[in-house]
Amino acid sequence: MERDPELEALVRQKGAELEAALREGGSPLPPGLTGQDFVEWALADGERRARSPEGQALFQKMKRVVEEVAAELPGGVDNPDFLSRLKARSQGLFGGGGAASA
């Protein structure tokens, strides 16, 4: 399956940025491994996890939290406080503590 050219460009850009940051930080990637390789691997792993039963269950919980927070605020997702409230409410979904609605 062919990927969107914009996504391809983003993968190349972020790969180069990752390589540069690691090199500048004194931890360059091993020979033969590029930042783009690492970004590709991360995308593939994320997709695999998202398609798993656990990932699907997490997405359903996240969807409920988004809907709940939007319903609580005037203007819903367009409310300026939406993102900060969503972040606070969803922390529990990712093991960061806080109270998440499930």
PDB file of N, CA and C in Angstrom:
ATOM      1  N   MET A   1       0.840  -1.186   0.000  1.00  0.00           N
ATOM      2  CA  MET A   1       0.000   0.000   0.000  1.00  0.00           C
ATOM      3  C   MET A   1       0.879   1.242   0.000  1.00  0.00           C
ATOM      4  N   GLU A   2       0.565   2.164  -0.867  1.00  0.00           N
ATOM      5  CA  GLU A   2       1.349   3.383  -0.995  1.00  0.00           C
ATOM      6  C   GLU A   2       0.895   4.407   0.036  1.00  0.00           C
ATOM      7  N   ARG A   3       1.855   5.059   0.672  1.00  0.00           N
ATOM      8  CA  ARG A   3       1.553   6.065   1.685  1.00  0.00           C
ATOM      9  C   ARG A   3       1.444   7.449   1.066  1.00  0.00           C
ATOM     10  N   ASP A   4       0.742   8.301   1.742  1.00  0.00           N
ATOM     11  CA  ASP A   4       0.578   9.691   1.361  1.00  0.00           C
ATOM     12  C   ASP A   4       1.957  10.355   1.271  1.00  0.00           C
ATOM     13  N   PRO A   5       2.221  11.108   0.204  1.00  0.00           N
ATOM     14  CA  PRO A   5       3.519  11.780   0.062  1.00  0.00           C
ATOM     15  C   PRO A   5       3.839  12.735   1.224  1.00  0.00           C
ATOM     16  N   GLU A   6       2.818  13.354   1.792  1.00  0.00           N
ATOM     17  CA  GLU A   6       3.054  14.252   2.925  1.00  0.00           C
ATOM     18  C   GLU A   6       3.531  13.474   4.142  1.00  0.00           C
ATOM     19  N   LEU A   7       2.968  12.275   4.359  1.00  0.00           N
ATOM     20  CA  LEU A   7       3.411  11.439   5.467  1.00  0.00           C
ATOM     21  C   LEU A   7       4.839  10.968   5.224  1.00  0.00           C
ATOM     22  N   GLU A   8       5.149  10.593   4.010  1.00  0.00           N
ATOM     23  CA  GLU A   8       6.512  10.178   3.660  1.00  0.00           C
ATOM     24  C   GLU A   8       7.504  11.299   3.960  1.00  0.00           C
ATOM     25  N   ALA A   9       7.147  12.520   3.580  1.00  0.00           N
ATOM     26  CA  ALA A   9       8.028  13.670   3.829  1.00  0.00           C
ATOM     27  C   ALA A   9       8.207  13.893   5.331  1.00  0.00           C
ATOM     28  N   LEU A  10       7.133  13.732   6.086  1.00  0.00           N
ATOM     29  CA  LEU A  10       7.202  13.900   7.532  1.00  0.00           C
ATOM     30  C   LEU A  10       8.103  12.841   8.158  1.00  0.00           C
ATOM     31  N   VAL A  11       7.992  11.604   7.700  1.00  0.00           N
ATOM     32  CA  VAL A  11       8.831  10.519   8.216  1.00  0.00           C
ATOM     33  C   VAL A  11      10.304  10.830   7.942  1.00  0.00           C
ATOM     34  N   ARG A  12      10.605  11.284   6.748  1.00  0.00           N
ATOM     35  CA  ARG A  12      12.000  11.640   6.417  1.00  0.00           C
ATOM     36  C   ARG A  12      12.498  12.789   7.298  1.00  0.00           C
ATOM     37  N   GLN A  13      11.659  13.816   7.444  1.00  0.00           N
ATOM     38  CA  GLN A  13      12.035  14.987   8.239  1.00  0.00           C
ATOM     39  C   GLN A  13      12.278  14.598   9.699  1.00  0.00           C
ATOM     40  N   LYS A  14      11.340  13.884  10.289  1.00  0.00           N
ATOM     41  CA  LYS A  14      11.465  13.512  11.696  1.00  0.00           C
ATOM     42  C   LYS A  14      12.610  12.527  11.898  1.00  0.00           C
ATOM     43  N   GLY A  15      12.853  11.675  10.917  1.00  0.00           N
ATOM     44  CA  GLY A  15      13.987  10.763  10.991  1.00  0.00           C
ATOM     45  C   GLY A  15      15.300  11.518  11.033  1.00  0.00           C
ATOM     46  N   ALA A  16      15.430  12.513  10.177  1.00  0.00           N
ATOM     47  CA  ALA A  16      16.647  13.330  10.148  1.00  0.00           C
ATOM     48  C   ALA A  16      16.805  14.103  11.454  1.00  0.00           C
ATOM     49  N   GLU A  17      15.693  14.631  11.987  1.00  0.00           N
ATOM     50  CA  GLU A  17      15.745  15.367  13.250  1.00  0.00           C
ATOM     51  C   GLU A  17      16.160  14.440  14.394  1.00  0.00           C
ATOM     52  N   LEU A  18      15.639  13.222  14.403  1.00  0.00           N
ATOM     53  CA  LEU A  18      15.987  12.253  15.437  1.00  0.00           C
ATOM     54  C   LEU A  18      17.477  11.921  15.371  1.00  0.00           C
ATOM     55  N   GLU A  19      17.958  11.640  14.175  1.00  0.00           N
ATOM     56  CA  GLU A  19      19.392  11.345  13.997  1.00  0.00           C
ATOM     57  C   GLU A  19      20.248  12.483  14.516  1.00  0.00           C
ATOM     58  N   ALA A  20      19.910  13.703  14.132  1.00  0.00           N
ATOM     59  CA  ALA A  20      20.691  14.871  14.548  1.00  0.00           C
ATOM     60  C   ALA A  20      20.664  15.043  16.063  1.00  0.00           C
ATOM     61  N   ALA A  21      19.489  14.895  16.668  1.00  0.00           N
ATOM     62  CA  ALA A  21      19.369  15.067  18.115  1.00  0.00           C
ATOM     63  C   ALA A  21      20.167  14.003  18.865  1.00  0.00           C
ATOM     64  N   LEU A  22      20.104  12.771  18.405  1.00  0.00           N
ATOM     65  CA  LEU A  22      20.867  11.711  19.060  1.00  0.00           C
ATOM     66  C   LEU A  22      22.365  11.940  18.908  1.00  0.00           C
ATOM     67  N   ARG A  23      22.779  12.326  17.731  1.00  0.00           N
ATOM     68  CA  ARG A  23      24.193  12.593  17.471  1.00  0.00           C
ATOM     69  C   ARG A  23      24.680  13.746  18.352  1.00  0.00           C
ATOM     70  N   GLU A  24      23.899  14.835  18.404  1.00  0.00           N
ATOM     71  CA  GLU A  24      24.267  15.994  19.225  1.00  0.00           C
ATOM     72  C   GLU A  24      24.271  15.653  20.706  1.00  0.00           C
ATOM     73  N   GLY A  25      23.418  14.709  21.096  1.00  0.00           N
ATOM     74  CA  GLY A  25      23.355  14.289  22.492  1.00  0.00           C
ATOM     75  C   GLY A  25      24.410  13.264  22.866  1.00  0.00           C
ATOM     76  N   GLY A  26      25.242  12.885  21.897  1.00  0.00           N
ATOM     77  CA  GLY A  26      26.311  11.936  22.181  1.00  0.00           C
ATOM     78  C   GLY A  26      25.918  10.480  22.067  1.00  0.00           C
ATOM     79  N   SER A  27      24.731  10.198  21.523  1.00  0.00           N
ATOM     80  CA  SER A  27      24.265   8.813  21.367  1.00  0.00           C
ATOM     81  C   SER A  27      23.806   8.573  19.935  1.00  0.00           C
ATOM     82  N   PRO A  28      24.742   8.582  18.992  1.00  0.00           N
ATOM     83  CA  PRO A  28      24.330   8.371  17.602  1.00  0.00           C
ATOM     84  C   PRO A  28      23.759   6.969  17.396  1.00  0.00           C
ATOM     85  N   LEU A  29      22.936   6.853  16.385  1.00  0.00           N
ATOM     86  CA  LEU A  29      22.389   5.539  16.041  1.00  0.00           C
ATOM     87  C   LEU A  29      23.516   4.622  15.567  1.00  0.00           C
ATOM     88  N   PRO A  30      23.351   3.319  15.753  1.00  0.00           N
ATOM     89  CA  PRO A  30      24.381   2.386  15.283  1.00  0.00           C
ATOM     90  C   PRO A  30      24.531   2.469  13.764  1.00  0.00           C
ATOM     91  N   PRO A  31      25.707   2.122  13.258  1.00  0.00           N
ATOM     92  CA  PRO A  31      25.916   2.122  11.809  1.00  0.00           C
ATOM     93  C   PRO A  31      24.867   1.248  11.110  1.00  0.00           C
ATOM     94  N   GLY A  32      24.363   1.746  10.002  1.00  0.00           N
ATOM     95  CA  GLY A  32      23.372   1.000   9.239  1.00  0.00           C
ATOM     96  C   GLY A  32      21.932   1.272   9.649  1.00  0.00           C
ATOM     97  N   LEU A  33      21.722   1.979  10.761  1.00  0.00           N
ATOM     98  CA  LEU A  33      20.366   2.317  11.209  1.00  0.00           C
ATOM     99  C   LEU A  33      20.192   3.823  11.070  1.00  0.00           C
ATOM    100  N   THR A  34      19.121   4.223  10.415  1.00  0.00           N
ATOM    101  CA  THR A  34      18.858   5.654  10.232  1.00  0.00           C
ATOM    102  C   THR A  34      17.706   6.103  11.109  1.00  0.00           C
ATOM    103  N   GLY A  35      17.610   7.382  11.276  1.00  0.00           N
ATOM    104  CA  GLY A  35      16.470   7.930  12.004  1.00  0.00           C
ATOM    105  C   GLY A  35      15.167   7.592  11.303  1.00  0.00           C
ATOM    106  N   GLN A  36      15.197   7.598   9.975  1.00  0.00           N
ATOM    107  CA  GLN A  36      13.998   7.238   9.218  1.00  0.00           C
ATOM    108  C   GLN A  36      13.611   5.788   9.491  1.00  0.00           C
ATOM    109  N   ASP A  37      14.599   4.883   9.596  1.00  0.00           N
ATOM    110  CA  ASP A  37      14.307   3.488   9.937  1.00  0.00           C
ATOM    111  C   ASP A  37      13.586   3.414  11.277  1.00  0.00           C
ATOM    112  N   PHE A  38      14.093   4.173  12.241  1.00  0.00           N
ATOM    113  CA  PHE A  38      13.519   4.159  13.581  1.00  0.00           C
ATOM    114  C   PHE A  38      12.088   4.686  13.565  1.00  0.00           C
ATOM    115  N   VAL A  39      11.849   5.778  12.843  1.00  0.00           N
ATOM    116  CA  VAL A  39      10.506   6.351  12.750  1.00  0.00           C
ATOM    117  C   VAL A  39       9.562   5.361  12.069  1.00  0.00           C
ATOM    118  N   GLU A  40      10.034   4.707  11.007  1.00  0.00           N
ATOM    119  CA  GLU A  40       9.216   3.693  10.313  1.00  0.00           C
ATOM    120  C   GLU A  40       8.833   2.567  11.277  1.00  0.00           C
ATOM    121  N   TRP A  41       9.817   2.099  12.043  1.00  0.00           N
ATOM    122  CA  TRP A  41       9.553   1.035  13.014  1.00  0.00           C
ATOM    123  C   TRP A  41       8.514   1.486  14.041  1.00  0.00           C
ATOM    124  N   ALA A  42       8.674   2.716  14.552  1.00  0.00           N
ATOM    125  CA  ALA A  42       7.742   3.227  15.560  1.00  0.00           C
ATOM    126  C   ALA A  42       6.320   3.324  14.999  1.00  0.00           C
ATOM    127  N   LEU A  43       6.195   3.780  13.753  1.00  0.00           N
ATOM    128  CA  LEU A  43       4.867   3.859  13.133  1.00  0.00           C
ATOM    129  C   LEU A  43       4.243   2.476  12.982  1.00  0.00           C
ATOM    130  N   ALA A  44       5.033   1.514  12.517  1.00  0.00           N
ATOM    131  CA  ALA A  44       4.523   0.154  12.329  1.00  0.00           C
ATOM    132  C   ALA A  44       4.123  -0.460  13.667  1.00  0.00           C
ATOM    133  N   ASP A  45       4.940  -0.245  14.693  1.00  0.00           N
ATOM    134  CA  ASP A  45       4.625  -0.783  16.014  1.00  0.00           C
ATOM    135  C   ASP A  45       3.363  -0.125  16.570  1.00  0.00           C
ATOM    136  N   GLY A  46       3.254   1.180  16.394  1.00  0.00           N
ATOM    137  CA  GLY A  46       2.058   1.879  16.862  1.00  0.00           C
ATOM    138  C   GLY A  46       0.799   1.385  16.163  1.00  0.00           C
ATOM    139  N   GLU A  47       0.906   1.137  14.872  1.00  0.00           N
ATOM    140  CA  GLU A  47      -0.249   0.632  14.130  1.00  0.00           C
ATOM    141  C   GLU A  47      -0.637  -0.762  14.613  1.00  0.00           C
ATOM    142  N   ARG A  48       0.372  -1.608  14.843  1.00  0.00           N
ATOM    143  CA  ARG A  48       0.103  -2.956  15.343  1.00  0.00           C
ATOM    144  C   ARG A  48      -0.596  -2.893  16.703  1.00  0.00           C
ATOM    145  N   ARG A  49      -0.101  -2.048  17.576  1.00  0.00           N
ATOM    146  CA  ARG A  49      -0.704  -1.916  18.912  1.00  0.00           C
ATOM    147  C   ARG A  49      -2.126  -1.358  18.825  1.00  0.00           C
ATOM    148  N   ALA A  50      -2.328  -0.385  17.939  1.00  0.00           N
ATOM    149  CA  ALA A  50      -3.655   0.226  17.799  1.00  0.00           C
ATOM    150  C   ALA A  50      -4.682  -0.773  17.294  1.00  0.00           C
ATOM    151  N   ARG A  51      -4.257  -1.717  16.484  1.00  0.00           N
ATOM    152  CA  ARG A  51      -5.177  -2.711  15.930  1.00  0.00           C
ATOM    153  C   ARG A  51      -5.426  -3.880  16.871  1.00  0.00           C
ATOM    154  N   SER A  52      -4.649  -3.988  17.932  1.00  0.00           N
ATOM    155  CA  SER A  52      -4.808  -5.088  18.881  1.00  0.00           C
ATOM    156  C   SER A  52      -6.105  -4.903  19.674  1.00  0.00           C
ATOM    157  N   PRO A  53      -6.620  -5.969  20.277  1.00  0.00           N
ATOM    158  CA  PRO A  53      -7.826  -5.824  21.111  1.00  0.00           C
ATOM    159  C   PRO A  53      -7.620  -4.812  22.245  1.00  0.00           C
ATOM    160  N   GLU A  54      -6.436  -4.799  22.822  1.00  0.00           N
ATOM    161  CA  GLU A  54      -6.158  -3.850  23.903  1.00  0.00           C
ATOM    162  C   GLU A  54      -6.172  -2.417  23.375  1.00  0.00           C
ATOM    163  N   GLY A  55      -5.583  -2.220  22.209  1.00  0.00           N
ATOM    164  CA  GLY A  55      -5.564  -0.896  21.599  1.00  0.00           C
ATOM    165  C   GLY A  55      -6.964  -0.424  21.255  1.00  0.00           C
ATOM    166  N   GLN A  56      -7.771  -1.318  20.724  1.00  0.00           N
ATOM    167  CA  GLN A  56      -9.147  -0.962  20.382  1.00  0.00           C
ATOM    168  C   GLN A  56      -9.941  -0.589  21.631  1.00  0.00           C
ATOM    169  N   ALA A  57      -9.722  -1.317  22.730  1.00  0.00           N
ATOM    170  CA  ALA A  57     -10.409  -1.003  23.987  1.00  0.00           C
ATOM    171  C   ALA A  57      -9.977   0.371  24.499  1.00  0.00           C
ATOM    172  N   LEU A  58      -8.684   0.667  24.398  1.00  0.00           N
ATOM    173  CA  LEU A  58      -8.191   1.968  24.831  1.00  0.00           C
ATOM    174  C   LEU A  58      -8.790   3.084  23.984  1.00  0.00           C
ATOM    175  N   PHE A  59      -8.879   2.881  22.671  1.00  0.00           N
ATOM    176  CA  PHE A  59      -9.485   3.896  21.807  1.00  0.00           C
ATOM    177  C   PHE A  59     -10.941   4.140  22.182  1.00  0.00           C
ATOM    178  N   GLN A  60     -11.667   3.102  22.542  1.00  0.00           N
ATOM    179  CA  GLN A  60     -13.058   3.278  22.952  1.00  0.00           C
ATOM    180  C   GLN A  60     -13.140   4.105  24.233  1.00  0.00           C
ATOM    181  N   LYS A  61     -12.242   3.841  25.189  1.00  0.00           N
ATOM    182  CA  LYS A  61     -12.213   4.628  26.422  1.00  0.00           C
ATOM    183  C   LYS A  61     -11.868   6.086  26.115  1.00  0.00           C
ATOM    184  N   MET A  62     -10.880   6.270  25.246  1.00  0.00           N
ATOM    185  CA  MET A  62     -10.488   7.629  24.876  1.00  0.00           C
ATOM    186  C   MET A  62     -11.647   8.370  24.222  1.00  0.00           C
ATOM    187  N   LYS A  63     -12.362   7.684  23.355  1.00  0.00           N
ATOM    188  CA  LYS A  63     -13.505   8.299  22.675  1.00  0.00           C
ATOM    189  C   LYS A  63     -14.541   8.759  23.694  1.00  0.00           C
ATOM    190  N   ARG A  64     -14.808   7.922  24.698  1.00  0.00           N
ATOM    191  CA  ARG A  64     -15.782   8.307  25.729  1.00  0.00           C
ATOM    192  C   ARG A  64     -15.313   9.535  26.497  1.00  0.00           C
ATOM    193  N   VAL A  65     -14.034   9.572  26.833  1.00  0.00           N
ATOM    194  CA  VAL A  65     -13.513  10.721  27.576  1.00  0.00           C
ATOM    195  C   VAL A  65     -13.635  11.994  26.741  1.00  0.00           C
ATOM    196  N   VAL A  66     -13.289  11.924  25.461  1.00  0.00           N
ATOM    197  CA  VAL A  66     -13.408  13.095  24.573  1.00  0.00           C
ATOM    198  C   VAL A  66     -14.858  13.559  24.534  1.00  0.00           C
ATOM    199  N   GLU A  67     -15.775  12.636  24.363  1.00  0.00           N
ATOM    200  CA  GLU A  67     -17.197  12.994  24.294  1.00  0.00           C
ATOM    201  C   GLU A  67     -17.687  13.601  25.602  1.00  0.00           C
ATOM    202  N   GLU A  68     -17.254  13.039  26.740  1.00  0.00           N
ATOM    203  CA  GLU A  68     -17.675  13.562  28.041  1.00  0.00           C
ATOM    204  C   GLU A  68     -17.164  14.983  28.263  1.00  0.00           C
ATOM    205  N   VAL A  69     -15.877  15.185  27.990  1.00  0.00           N
ATOM    206  CA  VAL A  69     -15.292  16.515  28.196  1.00  0.00           C
ATOM    207  C   VAL A  69     -15.962  17.527  27.266  1.00  0.00           C
ATOM    208  N   ALA A  70     -16.177  17.162  26.023  1.00  0.00           N
ATOM    209  CA  ALA A  70     -16.831  18.073  25.079  1.00  0.00           C
ATOM    210  C   ALA A  70     -18.236  18.435  25.553  1.00  0.00           C
ATOM    211  N   ALA A  71     -18.947  17.465  26.119  1.00  0.00           N
ATOM    212  CA  ALA A  71     -20.314  17.711  26.587  1.00  0.00           C
ATOM    213  C   ALA A  71     -20.343  18.631  27.810  1.00  0.00           C
ATOM    214  N   GLU A  72     -19.285  18.645  28.580  1.00  0.00           N
ATOM    215  CA  GLU A  72     -19.233  19.459  29.801  1.00  0.00           C
ATOM    216  C   GLU A  72     -18.941  20.932  29.532  1.00  0.00           C
ATOM    217  N   LEU A  73     -18.376  21.231  28.390  1.00  0.00           N
ATOM    218  CA  LEU A  73     -17.929  22.591  28.121  1.00  0.00           C
ATOM    219  C   LEU A  73     -18.799  23.298  27.091  1.00  0.00           C
ATOM    220  N   PRO A  74     -19.119  24.568  27.334  1.00  0.00           N
ATOM    221  CA  PRO A  74     -19.828  25.325  26.306  1.00  0.00           C
ATOM    222  C   PRO A  74     -18.948  25.404  25.051  1.00  0.00           C
ATOM    223  N   GLY A  75     -19.485  25.055  23.923  1.00  0.00           N
ATOM    224  CA  GLY A  75     -18.714  25.074  22.684  1.00  0.00           C
ATOM    225  C   GLY A  75     -17.994  23.768  22.418  1.00  0.00           C
ATOM    226  N   GLY A  76     -18.064  22.824  23.357  1.00  0.00           N
ATOM    227  CA  GLY A  76     -17.466  21.509  23.145  1.00  0.00           C
ATOM    228  C   GLY A  76     -15.981  21.577  22.841  1.00  0.00           C
ATOM    229  N   VAL A  77     -15.563  20.901  21.766  1.00  0.00           N
ATOM    230  CA  VAL A  77     -14.141  20.828  21.412  1.00  0.00           C
ATOM    231  C   VAL A  77     -13.559  22.176  21.006  1.00  0.00           C
ATOM    232  N   ASP A  78     -14.405  23.141  20.696  1.00  0.00           N
ATOM    233  CA  ASP A  78     -13.921  24.471  20.323  1.00  0.00           C
ATOM    234  C   ASP A  78     -13.655  25.353  21.539  1.00  0.00           C
ATOM    235  N   ASN A  79     -14.034  24.890  22.724  1.00  0.00           N
ATOM    236  CA  ASN A  79     -13.804  25.646  23.942  1.00  0.00           C
ATOM    237  C   ASN A  79     -12.303  25.733  24.200  1.00  0.00           C
ATOM    238  N   PRO A  80     -11.793  26.915  24.563  1.00  0.00           N
ATOM    239  CA  PRO A  80     -10.353  27.060  24.810  1.00  0.00           C
ATOM    240  C   PRO A  80      -9.817  26.146  25.916  1.00  0.00           C
ATOM    241  N   ASP A  81     -10.660  25.722  26.828  1.00  0.00           N
ATOM    242  CA  ASP A  81     -10.229  24.843  27.925  1.00  0.00           C
ATOM    243  C   ASP A  81     -10.308  23.356  27.578  1.00  0.00           C
ATOM    244  N   PHE A  82     -10.782  23.042  26.386  1.00  0.00           N
ATOM    245  CA  PHE A  82     -10.999  21.633  26.027  1.00  0.00           C
ATOM    246  C   PHE A  82      -9.721  20.800  26.135  1.00  0.00           C
ATOM    247  N   LEU A  83      -8.640  21.230  25.503  1.00  0.00           N
ATOM    248  CA  LEU A  83      -7.421  20.415  25.486  1.00  0.00           C
ATOM    249  C   LEU A  83      -6.830  20.219  26.874  1.00  0.00           C
ATOM    250  N   SER A  84      -6.795  21.265  27.679  1.00  0.00           N
ATOM    251  CA  SER A  84      -6.225  21.106  29.021  1.00  0.00           C
ATOM    252  C   SER A  84      -7.086  20.184  29.879  1.00  0.00           C
ATOM    253  N   ARG A  85      -8.400  20.308  29.755  1.00  0.00           N
ATOM    254  CA  ARG A  85      -9.279  19.430  30.527  1.00  0.00           C
ATOM    255  C   ARG A  85      -9.191  17.994  30.018  1.00  0.00           C
ATOM    256  N   LEU A  86      -9.101  17.826  28.714  1.00  0.00           N
ATOM    257  CA  LEU A  86      -8.961  16.485  28.139  1.00  0.00           C
ATOM    258  C   LEU A  86      -7.665  15.829  28.617  1.00  0.00           C
ATOM    259  N   LYS A  87      -6.593  16.597  28.608  1.00  0.00           N
ATOM    260  CA  LYS A  87      -5.303  16.071  29.065  1.00  0.00           C
ATOM    261  C   LYS A  87      -5.393  15.617  30.522  1.00  0.00           C
ATOM    262  N   ALA A  88      -5.957  16.448  31.368  1.00  0.00           N
ATOM    263  CA  ALA A  88      -6.083  16.096  32.785  1.00  0.00           C
ATOM    264  C   ALA A  88      -6.950  14.861  32.974  1.00  0.00           C
ATOM    265  N   ARG A  89      -8.041  14.794  32.253  1.00  0.00           N
ATOM    266  CA  ARG A  89      -8.981  13.685  32.400  1.00  0.00           C
ATOM    267  C   ARG A  89      -8.435  12.381  31.836  1.00  0.00           C
ATOM    268  N   SER A  90      -7.606  12.451  30.806  1.00  0.00           N
ATOM    269  CA  SER A  90      -7.154  11.225  30.144  1.00  0.00           C
ATOM    270  C   SER A  90      -5.870  10.650  30.717  1.00  0.00           C
ATOM    271  N   GLN A  91      -5.218  11.337  31.630  1.00  0.00           N
ATOM    272  CA  GLN A  91      -3.958  10.840  32.183  1.00  0.00           C
ATOM    273  C   GLN A  91      -4.082   9.442  32.766  1.00  0.00           C
ATOM    274  N   GLY A  92      -5.166   9.139  33.408  1.00  0.00           N
ATOM    275  CA  GLY A  92      -5.356   7.826  34.005  1.00  0.00           C
ATOM    276  C   GLY A  92      -5.411   6.703  32.974  1.00  0.00           C
ATOM    277  N   LEU A  93      -5.775   7.014  31.747  1.00  0.00           N
ATOM    278  CA  LEU A  93      -5.823   5.996  30.701  1.00  0.00           C
ATOM    279  C   LEU A  93      -4.441   5.482  30.346  1.00  0.00           C
ATOM    280  N   PHE A  94      -3.435   6.308  30.580  1.00  0.00           N
ATOM    281  CA  PHE A  94      -2.083   5.964  30.166  1.00  0.00           C
ATOM    282  C   PHE A  94      -1.174   5.695  31.342  1.00  0.00           C
ATOM    283  N   GLY A  95      -1.749   5.446  32.491  1.00  0.00           N
ATOM    284  CA  GLY A  95      -0.935   5.114  33.645  1.00  0.00           C
ATOM    285  C   GLY A  95      -0.273   6.319  34.290  1.00  0.00           C
ATOM    286  N   GLY A  96      -0.721   7.531  33.954  1.00  0.00           N
ATOM    287  CA  GLY A  96      -0.111   8.725  34.514  1.00  0.00           C
ATOM    288  C   GLY A  96      -0.806   9.242  35.745  1.00  0.00           C
ATOM    289  N   GLY A  97      -1.663   8.433  36.332  1.00  0.00           N
ATOM    290  CA  GLY A  97      -2.414   8.896  37.488  1.00  0.00           C
ATOM    291  C   GLY A  97      -3.596   9.718  37.051  1.00  0.00           C
ATOM    292  N   GLY A  98      -4.202  10.416  37.969  1.00  0.00           N
ATOM    293  CA  GLY A  98      -5.372  11.219  37.649  1.00  0.00           C
ATOM    294  C   GLY A  98      -6.616  10.351  37.567  1.00  0.00           C
ATOM    295  N   ALA A  99      -7.728  11.004  37.393  1.00  0.00           N
ATOM    296  CA  ALA A  99      -8.999  10.284  37.367  1.00  0.00           C
ATOM    297  C   ALA A  99      -9.557  10.304  35.953  1.00  0.00           C
ATOM    298  N   ALA A 100      -9.531   9.186  35.308  1.00  0.00           N
ATOM    299  CA  ALA A 100     -10.101   9.089  33.965  1.00  0.00           C
ATOM    300  C   ALA A 100     -11.419   8.381  34.033  1.00  0.00           C
ATOM    301  N   SER A 101     -12.359   8.849  33.274  1.00  0.00           N
ATOM    302  CA  SER A 101     -13.642   8.155  33.169  1.00  0.00           C
ATOM    303  C   SER A 101     -13.485   7.014  32.197  1.00  0.00           C
ATOM    304  N   ALA A 102     -13.958   5.857  32.575  1.00  0.00           N
ATOM    305  CA  ALA A 102     -13.838   4.707  31.678  1.00  0.00           C
ATOM    306  C   ALA A 102     -15.171   4.120  31.350  1.00  0.00           C
TER     307      ALA A 102
END
